Amino acid sequence: MNTTLYPGRYFQGYDALSILGDEISRFGKKGFVVCGPYVFENHLPSFREKLGNAIDFTVEKSHWECSDEAIGHLSRIAQNAKCDIIVGIGGGKTLDKAKAVAHTLKTRVVVVPTIASTNAPCSALAIINTPTGRFKDYLTLSKNPDVVILDTKFIVNAPVRSLVAGMGNALSTWFEAESSHRKYSTYTTDRGIPTTAYSSALLCYESLLKYGVLAKIACEVHAVTPALEQIVEANTLLSGLGLERARLAAAHSIYNGLTVLEQTRSFFHGEKIAFSTLTSLFLTGKPTAVIDEVYTFCDQVGLPITLGEI
């Protein structure tokens, strides 16, 4: 039996946040908003304006790792405030915390990425770290986010390094899907992998090669272009669907080990995944032409092919 998993609704585009209030109000009357520290300190008034009078809400700035301790702390605040919908605004760790809190309290969750650096917005998964940032476990959630709203007006004004790191993370999607298919592996649902999973994963890889450099250039000059939209979708939706339905493999296993090493702390998640993907190509005996293609892509967009002294 094959299983297909999706987020409830996915919105992407320039000024997509204009629908935030309408979408949130479909699910409840009182919200608990988990904000990353940068968003809290620089963009909170803008988000308050978008929410308007749609719902009453409580805002919490969360600068912790996505750890069991952080999830427990946020869950208690949301429960005491009697919130019936959780909203995550920020990067991957913030969104994972929001999803985990919603999972704990059995409530709806809306996620609003402000960078396109991971596929966390679309997945029914939260990466649990220790409070010091070492990988601890994967938390499998009961469902995918109810709504994903990705405003490319915010993405294009975020650091270019974040967008490139998202490409690094997405780079693993096709190769891990291919490995999982060869091994008949199961993951989120313990069932088979549908054909659409491979189509999404392959399209993700092809989009990176075709639009990656152009999207980086667009981000450098803060321009929302078709190439940038393609890469944002690849980093977030296509990679997320590949993760959910085509499973993880060597690249993420290598990444988990890298989080233990102090020398890798300065690298973003996707930068470490890119290095791990390149490593996995040697482990799985990929043809030289494929390795060269990935190596060239990393070099063109500025992804690290070494991680310092390790």
Protein backbone atom coordinates (compact mmCIF):
# COMPACT_ATOMS: atom_id res chain seq x y z
CA MET A 1 0.00 0.00 0.00
CA ASN A 2 1.42 3.36 -1.05
CA THR A 3 0.72 6.46 1.02
CA THR A 4 0.79 10.11 -0.03
CA LEU A 5 1.12 12.88 2.57
CA TYR A 6 0.66 16.60 1.99
CA PRO A 7 0.27 19.81 3.96
CA GLY A 8 -3.38 20.91 4.06
CA ARG A 9 -2.85 24.10 2.03
CA TYR A 10 0.28 25.60 0.52
CA PHE A 11 0.42 29.25 -0.53
CA GLN A 12 3.50 30.82 -2.12
CA GLY A 13 4.05 34.16 -3.81
CA TYR A 14 4.74 37.85 -3.46
CA ASP A 15 2.67 39.31 -0.58
CA ALA A 16 1.15 35.91 0.26
CA LEU A 17 0.91 37.07 3.88
CA SER A 18 -2.12 39.13 2.91
CA ILE A 19 -4.23 35.99 3.47
CA LEU A 20 -2.75 35.14 6.88
CA GLY A 21 -5.67 36.44 8.94
CA ASP A 22 -8.29 34.76 6.76
CA GLU A 23 -6.54 31.39 6.82
CA ILE A 24 -5.91 31.37 10.56
CA SER A 25 -9.47 32.38 11.42
CA ARG A 26 -10.80 29.24 9.70
CA PHE A 27 -9.37 27.10 12.50
CA GLY A 28 -9.96 28.91 15.75
CA LYS A 29 -10.49 32.07 17.77
CA LYS A 30 -7.35 32.20 19.90
CA GLY A 31 -3.85 31.65 18.61
CA PHE A 32 -0.43 31.04 20.11
CA VAL A 33 2.31 32.49 17.90
CA VAL A 34 5.85 31.10 18.21
CA CYS A 35 8.34 33.60 16.73
CA GLY A 36 12.01 33.25 16.02
CA PRO A 37 14.06 36.00 17.72
CA TYR A 38 14.87 37.89 14.50
CA VAL A 39 11.24 37.96 13.42
CA PHE A 40 10.11 39.00 16.90
CA GLU A 41 12.54 41.90 17.02
CA ASN A 42 12.26 43.13 13.42
CA HIS A 43 9.00 42.05 11.77
CA LEU A 44 6.41 41.46 14.49
CA PRO A 45 4.45 44.70 13.79
CA SER A 46 4.04 43.64 10.16
CA PHE A 47 2.70 40.23 11.17
CA ARG A 48 0.36 41.80 13.73
CA GLU A 49 -1.02 43.99 10.95
CA LYS A 50 -1.63 40.95 8.71
CA LEU A 51 -3.42 39.13 11.53
CA GLY A 52 -5.54 42.20 12.26
CA ASN A 53 -8.64 41.34 14.24
CA ALA A 54 -8.98 37.85 12.79
CA ILE A 55 -8.15 36.17 16.10
CA ASP A 56 -6.89 36.95 19.58
CA PHE A 57 -3.33 35.76 19.95
CA THR A 58 -0.43 35.42 22.36
CA VAL A 59 3.12 35.83 21.04
CA GLU A 60 6.18 34.08 22.46
CA LYS A 61 9.75 34.73 21.31
CA SER A 62 11.63 31.44 21.25
CA HIS A 63 15.40 31.47 20.87
CA TRP A 64 15.98 27.92 22.10
CA GLU A 65 16.91 24.87 20.07
CA CYS A 66 14.03 22.62 19.03
CA SER A 67 14.52 20.47 22.11
CA ASP A 68 12.17 18.50 24.34
CA GLU A 69 12.67 21.19 26.96
CA ALA A 70 11.67 24.01 24.58
CA ILE A 71 8.63 22.11 23.30
CA GLY A 72 7.48 21.40 26.85
CA HIS A 73 7.93 25.04 27.88
CA LEU A 74 5.99 26.40 24.89
CA SER A 75 3.25 23.77 25.24
CA ARG A 76 2.59 24.79 28.83
CA ILE A 77 2.27 28.47 27.87
CA ALA A 78 -0.10 27.69 24.99
CA GLN A 79 -2.21 25.38 27.13
CA ASN A 80 -2.49 27.91 29.96
CA ALA A 81 -3.54 30.55 27.44
CA LYS A 82 -6.27 28.18 26.16
CA CYS A 83 -5.13 28.55 22.55
CA ASP A 84 -6.82 26.48 19.85
CA ILE A 85 -4.40 27.16 16.99
CA ILE A 86 -0.58 27.32 16.88
CA VAL A 87 1.26 29.59 14.46
CA GLY A 88 5.00 29.31 13.76
CA ILE A 89 6.79 32.27 12.16
CA GLY A 90 10.50 32.04 11.38
CA GLY A 91 13.11 29.49 10.31
CA GLY A 92 13.14 25.70 10.44
CA LYS A 93 13.75 25.27 14.18
CA THR A 94 10.96 27.70 15.05
CA LEU A 95 8.55 25.94 12.69
CA ASP A 96 9.49 22.53 14.08
CA LYS A 97 8.76 23.81 17.60
CA ALA A 98 5.38 25.14 16.52
CA LYS A 99 4.50 21.84 14.84
CA ALA A 100 5.61 19.87 17.90
CA VAL A 101 3.55 22.06 20.25
CA ALA A 102 0.47 21.58 18.04
CA HIS A 103 1.13 17.84 18.05
CA THR A 104 1.41 17.82 21.85
CA LEU A 105 -1.79 19.82 22.36
CA LYS A 106 -3.65 18.18 19.43
CA THR A 107 -4.43 21.51 17.80
CA ARG A 108 -4.19 22.97 14.30
CA VAL A 109 -0.95 24.55 13.10
CA VAL A 110 -0.15 27.25 10.53
CA VAL A 111 3.47 27.77 9.55
CA VAL A 112 4.93 30.93 8.03
CA PRO A 113 8.55 30.49 6.88
CA THR A 114 10.58 33.69 6.66
CA ILE A 115 13.51 31.96 4.99
CA ALA A 116 13.63 29.14 2.42
CA SER A 117 16.41 27.18 4.05
CA THR A 118 14.68 23.87 4.89
CA ASN A 119 11.71 21.66 4.01
CA ALA A 120 10.42 21.86 7.60
CA PRO A 121 7.31 23.87 6.60
CA CYS A 122 5.69 20.94 4.78
CA SER A 123 6.75 17.92 6.81
CA ALA A 124 5.03 15.94 9.56
CA LEU A 125 8.36 15.71 11.30
CA ALA A 126 10.31 17.72 13.85
CA ILE A 127 14.06 17.39 14.34
CA ILE A 128 14.71 17.20 18.08
CA ASN A 129 18.11 18.43 19.27
CA THR A 130 19.66 18.68 22.68
CA PRO A 131 19.67 22.18 24.22
CA THR A 132 23.26 22.54 22.97
CA GLY A 133 22.34 21.75 19.35
CA ARG A 134 23.30 18.10 18.95
CA PHE A 135 20.91 15.84 17.08
CA LYS A 136 18.79 13.73 19.44
CA ASP A 137 15.82 12.22 17.60
CA TYR A 138 13.11 12.64 15.00
CA LEU A 139 9.60 13.33 16.28
CA THR A 140 7.00 11.90 13.89
CA LEU A 141 3.91 14.09 14.07
CA SER A 142 0.31 13.02 13.66
CA LYS A 143 -0.21 15.17 10.56
CA ASN A 144 1.36 17.68 8.20
CA PRO A 145 0.82 21.40 8.82
CA ASP A 146 -2.70 22.61 8.10
CA VAL A 147 -1.51 25.71 6.25
CA VAL A 148 1.84 26.85 4.84
CA ILE A 149 2.11 30.51 3.80
CA LEU A 150 5.35 31.46 2.12
CA ASP A 151 5.71 35.12 1.18
CA THR A 152 8.56 35.51 -1.29
CA LYS A 153 8.71 39.23 -0.48
CA PHE A 154 10.23 38.17 2.86
CA ILE A 155 12.35 35.40 1.39
CA VAL A 156 14.08 37.67 -1.11
CA ASN A 157 15.09 40.07 1.67
CA ALA A 158 16.50 37.33 3.89
CA PRO A 159 20.24 36.52 3.77
CA VAL A 160 21.30 34.92 0.49
CA ARG A 161 23.13 32.28 2.50
CA SER A 162 19.77 31.02 3.82
CA LEU A 163 18.39 30.46 0.32
CA VAL A 164 21.60 28.70 -0.76
CA ALA A 165 21.52 26.52 2.36
CA GLY A 166 17.99 25.54 1.39
CA MET A 167 19.33 24.39 -1.97
CA GLY A 168 21.90 22.31 -0.10
CA ASN A 169 19.19 20.63 1.91
CA ALA A 170 17.01 20.06 -1.18
CA LEU A 171 20.01 18.60 -3.01
CA SER A 172 19.71 15.39 -1.01
CA THR A 173 16.05 14.77 -1.87
CA TRP A 174 16.41 12.89 -5.15
CA PHE A 175 19.42 10.81 -4.12
CA GLU A 176 17.82 9.71 -0.86
CA ALA A 177 14.57 8.90 -2.66
CA GLU A 178 16.50 6.78 -5.14
CA SER A 179 18.34 4.93 -2.36
CA SER A 180 15.11 4.30 -0.46
CA HIS A 181 13.47 2.92 -3.59
CA ARG A 182 16.35 0.51 -4.17
CA LYS A 183 16.14 -0.76 -0.59
CA TYR A 184 12.30 -0.88 -0.44
CA SER A 185 12.58 1.16 2.74
CA THR A 186 9.67 2.64 4.69
CA TYR A 187 9.62 5.76 6.79
CA THR A 188 6.77 8.04 7.87
CA THR A 189 3.88 5.63 7.31
CA ASP A 190 5.71 2.28 7.24
CA ARG A 191 4.10 1.72 3.84
CA GLY A 192 5.20 1.90 0.24
CA ILE A 193 6.36 4.94 -1.68
CA PRO A 194 4.04 6.33 -4.41
CA THR A 195 5.23 7.21 -7.89
CA THR A 196 4.49 10.88 -7.28
CA ALA A 197 7.19 10.89 -4.59
CA TYR A 198 9.89 10.14 -7.15
CA SER A 199 8.44 12.68 -9.57
CA SER A 200 8.57 15.37 -6.87
CA ALA A 201 12.09 14.39 -5.82
CA LEU A 202 13.42 14.34 -9.38
CA LEU A 203 11.74 17.67 -10.22
CA CYS A 204 13.35 19.11 -7.10
CA TYR A 205 16.82 18.11 -8.32
CA GLU A 206 16.19 19.31 -11.88
CA SER A 207 14.90 22.66 -10.60
CA LEU A 208 18.04 23.18 -8.54
CA LEU A 209 20.31 22.60 -11.53
CA LYS A 210 18.23 24.76 -13.86
CA TYR A 211 17.35 27.71 -11.63
CA GLY A 212 19.76 27.65 -8.66
CA VAL A 213 22.34 30.15 -9.92
CA LEU A 214 19.68 32.51 -11.30
CA ALA A 215 17.77 32.41 -8.01
CA LYS A 216 20.90 33.26 -6.04
CA ILE A 217 21.57 36.25 -8.28
CA ALA A 218 17.94 37.40 -7.86
CA CYS A 219 18.19 37.11 -4.08
CA GLU A 220 21.41 39.13 -4.09
CA VAL A 221 19.57 42.07 -5.64
CA HIS A 222 16.30 41.43 -3.71
CA ALA A 223 14.27 40.69 -6.83
CA VAL A 224 11.39 38.20 -6.88
CA THR A 225 11.82 36.46 -10.24
CA PRO A 226 10.40 33.26 -11.76
CA ALA A 227 13.72 31.52 -11.03
CA LEU A 228 13.57 32.55 -7.39
CA GLU A 229 9.99 31.30 -7.09
CA GLN A 230 11.05 27.97 -8.63
CA ILE A 231 13.86 27.53 -6.11
CA VAL A 232 11.73 28.52 -3.14
CA GLU A 233 9.22 25.89 -4.21
CA ALA A 234 12.00 23.31 -4.69
CA ASN A 235 13.58 24.07 -1.30
CA THR A 236 10.28 24.00 0.55
CA LEU A 237 7.48 22.08 -1.15
CA LEU A 238 9.20 19.64 -3.52
CA SER A 239 11.89 18.73 -1.02
CA GLY A 240 9.27 18.45 1.71
CA LEU A 241 7.10 16.10 -0.34
CA GLY A 242 10.17 14.03 -1.17
CA LEU A 243 11.09 13.83 2.51
CA GLU A 244 7.58 12.75 3.49
CA ARG A 245 7.02 10.16 0.81
CA ALA A 246 10.41 9.03 -0.44
CA ARG A 247 12.26 8.77 2.87
CA LEU A 248 15.71 9.73 4.17
CA ALA A 249 18.95 7.85 3.61
CA ALA A 250 22.74 8.28 3.92
CA ALA A 251 22.93 12.06 3.58
CA HIS A 252 20.81 12.73 6.65
CA SER A 253 22.52 9.96 8.61
CA ILE A 254 25.90 11.56 7.95
CA TYR A 255 24.43 14.95 8.90
CA ASN A 256 23.22 13.58 12.24
CA GLY A 257 26.76 12.57 13.09
CA LEU A 258 28.19 15.92 12.01
CA THR A 259 26.04 17.77 14.56
CA VAL A 260 28.15 16.25 17.34
CA LEU A 261 31.33 17.90 16.06
CA GLU A 262 32.12 21.37 17.37
CA GLN A 263 33.84 22.29 14.08
CA THR A 264 30.50 22.13 12.23
CA ARG A 265 28.51 24.45 14.52
CA SER A 266 29.07 27.50 12.31
CA PHE A 267 27.57 25.77 9.27
CA PHE A 268 23.86 25.89 8.44
CA HIS A 269 21.75 22.72 8.34
CA GLY A 270 21.58 22.74 4.53
CA GLU A 271 25.30 23.36 4.16
CA LYS A 272 26.03 20.24 6.18
CA ILE A 273 23.42 18.31 4.20
CA ALA A 274 25.09 19.35 0.91
CA PHE A 275 28.44 18.05 2.16
CA SER A 276 26.74 14.86 3.38
CA THR A 277 25.01 14.40 0.02
CA LEU A 278 28.29 14.65 -1.84
CA THR A 279 29.79 12.13 0.60
CA SER A 280 26.84 9.77 0.08
CA LEU A 281 27.42 9.76 -3.68
CA PHE A 282 30.81 8.13 -3.11
CA LEU A 283 29.34 5.67 -0.60
CA THR A 284 26.63 4.58 -3.04
CA GLY A 285 28.98 4.31 -6.01
CA LYS A 286 27.40 6.98 -8.21
CA PRO A 287 28.99 7.52 -11.65
CA THR A 288 31.71 10.13 -11.90
CA ALA A 289 29.49 12.26 -14.15
CA VAL A 290 26.83 12.54 -11.43
CA ILE A 291 29.41 13.39 -8.76
CA ASP A 292 30.91 16.05 -11.03
CA GLU A 293 27.45 17.50 -11.68
CA VAL A 294 26.71 17.84 -7.97
CA TYR A 295 30.20 19.14 -7.23
CA THR A 296 29.85 21.79 -9.96
CA PHE A 297 26.43 22.85 -8.68
CA CYS A 298 27.75 23.28 -5.13
CA ASP A 299 30.65 25.35 -6.44
CA GLN A 300 28.41 27.57 -8.59
CA VAL A 301 25.94 28.48 -5.85
CA GLY A 302 28.54 28.64 -3.06
CA LEU A 303 27.76 25.52 -1.03
CA PRO A 304 30.72 24.17 0.97
CA ILE A 305 32.44 21.08 -0.37
CA THR A 306 34.55 20.82 2.77
CA LEU A 307 33.65 21.55 6.38
CA GLY A 308 36.73 23.16 7.83
CA GLU A 309 39.12 20.82 9.55
CA ILE A 310 36.97 17.68 9.70
